[in-house]
């Protein structure tokens, strides 16, 4: 699946990294690597549980997965 040089194999992660860079990395200055790691942990929590996505019918990834599993 993950062939060398084929970004389409990993498009979901590439999309996440692009969004994370624009919403977190480029938006703030971090005083230390530990400050960045803490902010990244908080961002991942936000991204998975609170950030709504139009492609997921206005739900967060966790909400959408929960509905698809239960429904």
C-alpha atoms as a PDB file:
ATOM      1  CA  UNK A   1       0.000   0.000   0.000  1.00  0.00           C
ATOM      2  CA  UNK A   2       2.630   2.588   0.919  1.00  0.00           C
ATOM      3  CA  UNK A   3       4.742   2.693  -2.162  1.00  0.00           C
ATOM      4  CA  UNK A   4       7.749   4.949  -2.187  1.00  0.00           C
ATOM      5  CA  UNK A   5       7.017   8.327  -3.744  1.00  0.00           C
ATOM      6  CA  UNK A   6       3.229   7.900  -3.929  1.00  0.00           C
ATOM      7  CA  UNK A   7       1.518  10.510  -1.760  1.00  0.00           C
ATOM      8  CA  UNK A   8      -1.924   9.162  -2.671  1.00  0.00           C
ATOM      9  CA  UNK A   9      -1.246   6.113  -0.516  1.00  0.00           C
ATOM     10  CA  UNK A  10      -1.147   8.346   2.545  1.00  0.00           C
ATOM     11  CA  UNK A  11      -3.560  11.099   1.538  1.00  0.00           C
ATOM     12  CA  UNK A  12      -5.543  11.145   4.797  1.00  0.00           C
ATOM     13  CA  UNK A  13      -2.427  11.808   6.884  1.00  0.00           C
ATOM     14  CA  UNK A  14      -1.087  14.320   4.360  1.00  0.00           C
ATOM     15  CA  UNK A  15      -4.395  16.173   4.636  1.00  0.00           C
ATOM     16  CA  UNK A  16      -4.259  16.134   8.446  1.00  0.00           C
ATOM     17  CA  UNK A  17      -0.667  17.401   8.496  1.00  0.00           C
ATOM     18  CA  UNK A  18      -1.557  20.237   6.108  1.00  0.00           C
ATOM     19  CA  UNK A  19      -4.512  21.313   8.256  1.00  0.00           C
ATOM     20  CA  UNK A  20      -2.504  20.964  11.479  1.00  0.00           C
ATOM     21  CA  UNK A  21       0.326  23.077  10.091  1.00  0.00           C
ATOM     22  CA  UNK A  22      -1.984  25.899   9.052  1.00  0.00           C
ATOM     23  CA  UNK A  23      -4.153  25.843  12.193  1.00  0.00           C
ATOM     24  CA  UNK A  24      -1.458  25.180  14.812  1.00  0.00           C
ATOM     25  CA  UNK A  25       2.152  25.206  13.707  1.00  0.00           C
ATOM     26  CA  UNK A  26       2.154  28.381  11.595  1.00  0.00           C
ATOM     27  CA  UNK A  27      -0.371  30.176  13.833  1.00  0.00           C
ATOM     28  CA  UNK A  28       1.714  30.107  17.034  1.00  0.00           C
ATOM     29  CA  UNK A  29       5.269  30.484  18.259  1.00  0.00           C
ATOM     30  CA  UNK A  30       6.409  27.875  20.735  1.00  0.00           C
ATOM     31  CA  UNK A  31       8.922  28.591  23.466  1.00  0.00           C
ATOM     32  CA  UNK A  32      10.177  25.014  23.699  1.00  0.00           C
ATOM     33  CA  UNK A  33       9.713  21.576  22.163  1.00  0.00           C
ATOM     34  CA  UNK A  34       7.718  20.592  25.258  1.00  0.00           C
ATOM     35  CA  UNK A  35       5.327  23.512  24.684  1.00  0.00           C
ATOM     36  CA  UNK A  36       4.813  22.349  21.100  1.00  0.00           C
ATOM     37  CA  UNK A  37       4.191  18.741  22.188  1.00  0.00           C
ATOM     38  CA  UNK A  38       1.582  19.903  24.730  1.00  0.00           C
ATOM     39  CA  UNK A  39      -0.129  22.102  22.128  1.00  0.00           C
ATOM     40  CA  UNK A  40      -0.055  19.244  19.604  1.00  0.00           C
ATOM     41  CA  UNK A  41      -1.689  16.854  22.085  1.00  0.00           C
ATOM     42  CA  UNK A  42      -4.428  19.432  22.713  1.00  0.00           C
ATOM     43  CA  UNK A  43      -4.863  20.028  18.970  1.00  0.00           C
ATOM     44  CA  UNK A  44      -5.253  16.315  18.228  1.00  0.00           C
ATOM     45  CA  UNK A  45      -7.902  16.076  20.960  1.00  0.00           C
ATOM     46  CA  UNK A  46      -9.686  19.098  19.443  1.00  0.00           C
ATOM     47  CA  UNK A  47      -9.376  17.769  15.882  1.00  0.00           C
ATOM     48  CA  UNK A  48     -10.808  14.359  16.714  1.00  0.00           C
ATOM     49  CA  UNK A  49     -13.547  15.382  19.140  1.00  0.00           C
ATOM     50  CA  UNK A  50     -14.650  18.963  18.509  1.00  0.00           C
ATOM     51  CA  UNK A  51     -13.621  20.166  15.038  1.00  0.00           C
ATOM     52  CA  UNK A  52     -16.565  19.651  12.706  1.00  0.00           C
ATOM     53  CA  UNK A  53     -16.031  18.748   9.069  1.00  0.00           C
ATOM     54  CA  UNK A  54     -18.448  19.384   6.226  1.00  0.00           C
ATOM     55  CA  UNK A  55     -17.414  16.091   4.595  1.00  0.00           C
ATOM     56  CA  UNK A  56     -18.573  14.271   7.727  1.00  0.00           C
ATOM     57  CA  UNK A  57     -22.038  15.860   7.630  1.00  0.00           C
ATOM     58  CA  UNK A  58     -21.128  18.555  10.174  1.00  0.00           C
ATOM     59  CA  UNK A  59     -19.768  16.120  12.743  1.00  0.00           C
ATOM     60  CA  UNK A  60     -16.358  15.582  14.306  1.00  0.00           C
ATOM     61  CA  UNK A  61     -14.442  12.440  13.256  1.00  0.00           C
ATOM     62  CA  UNK A  62     -15.275  10.671  16.549  1.00  0.00           C
ATOM     63  CA  UNK A  63     -18.977  11.582  16.314  1.00  0.00           C
ATOM     64  CA  UNK A  64     -19.143  10.383  12.717  1.00  0.00           C
ATOM     65  CA  UNK A  65     -17.414   7.063  13.468  1.00  0.00           C
ATOM     66  CA  UNK A  66     -19.652   6.467  16.492  1.00  0.00           C
ATOM     67  CA  UNK A  67     -22.779   6.996  14.392  1.00  0.00           C
ATOM     68  CA  UNK A  68     -21.538   4.753  11.593  1.00  0.00           C
ATOM     69  CA  UNK A  69     -20.671   1.947  14.048  1.00  0.00           C
ATOM     70  CA  UNK A  70     -23.949   2.191  15.970  1.00  0.00           C
ATOM     71  CA  UNK A  71     -26.185   2.959  13.084  1.00  0.00           C
END
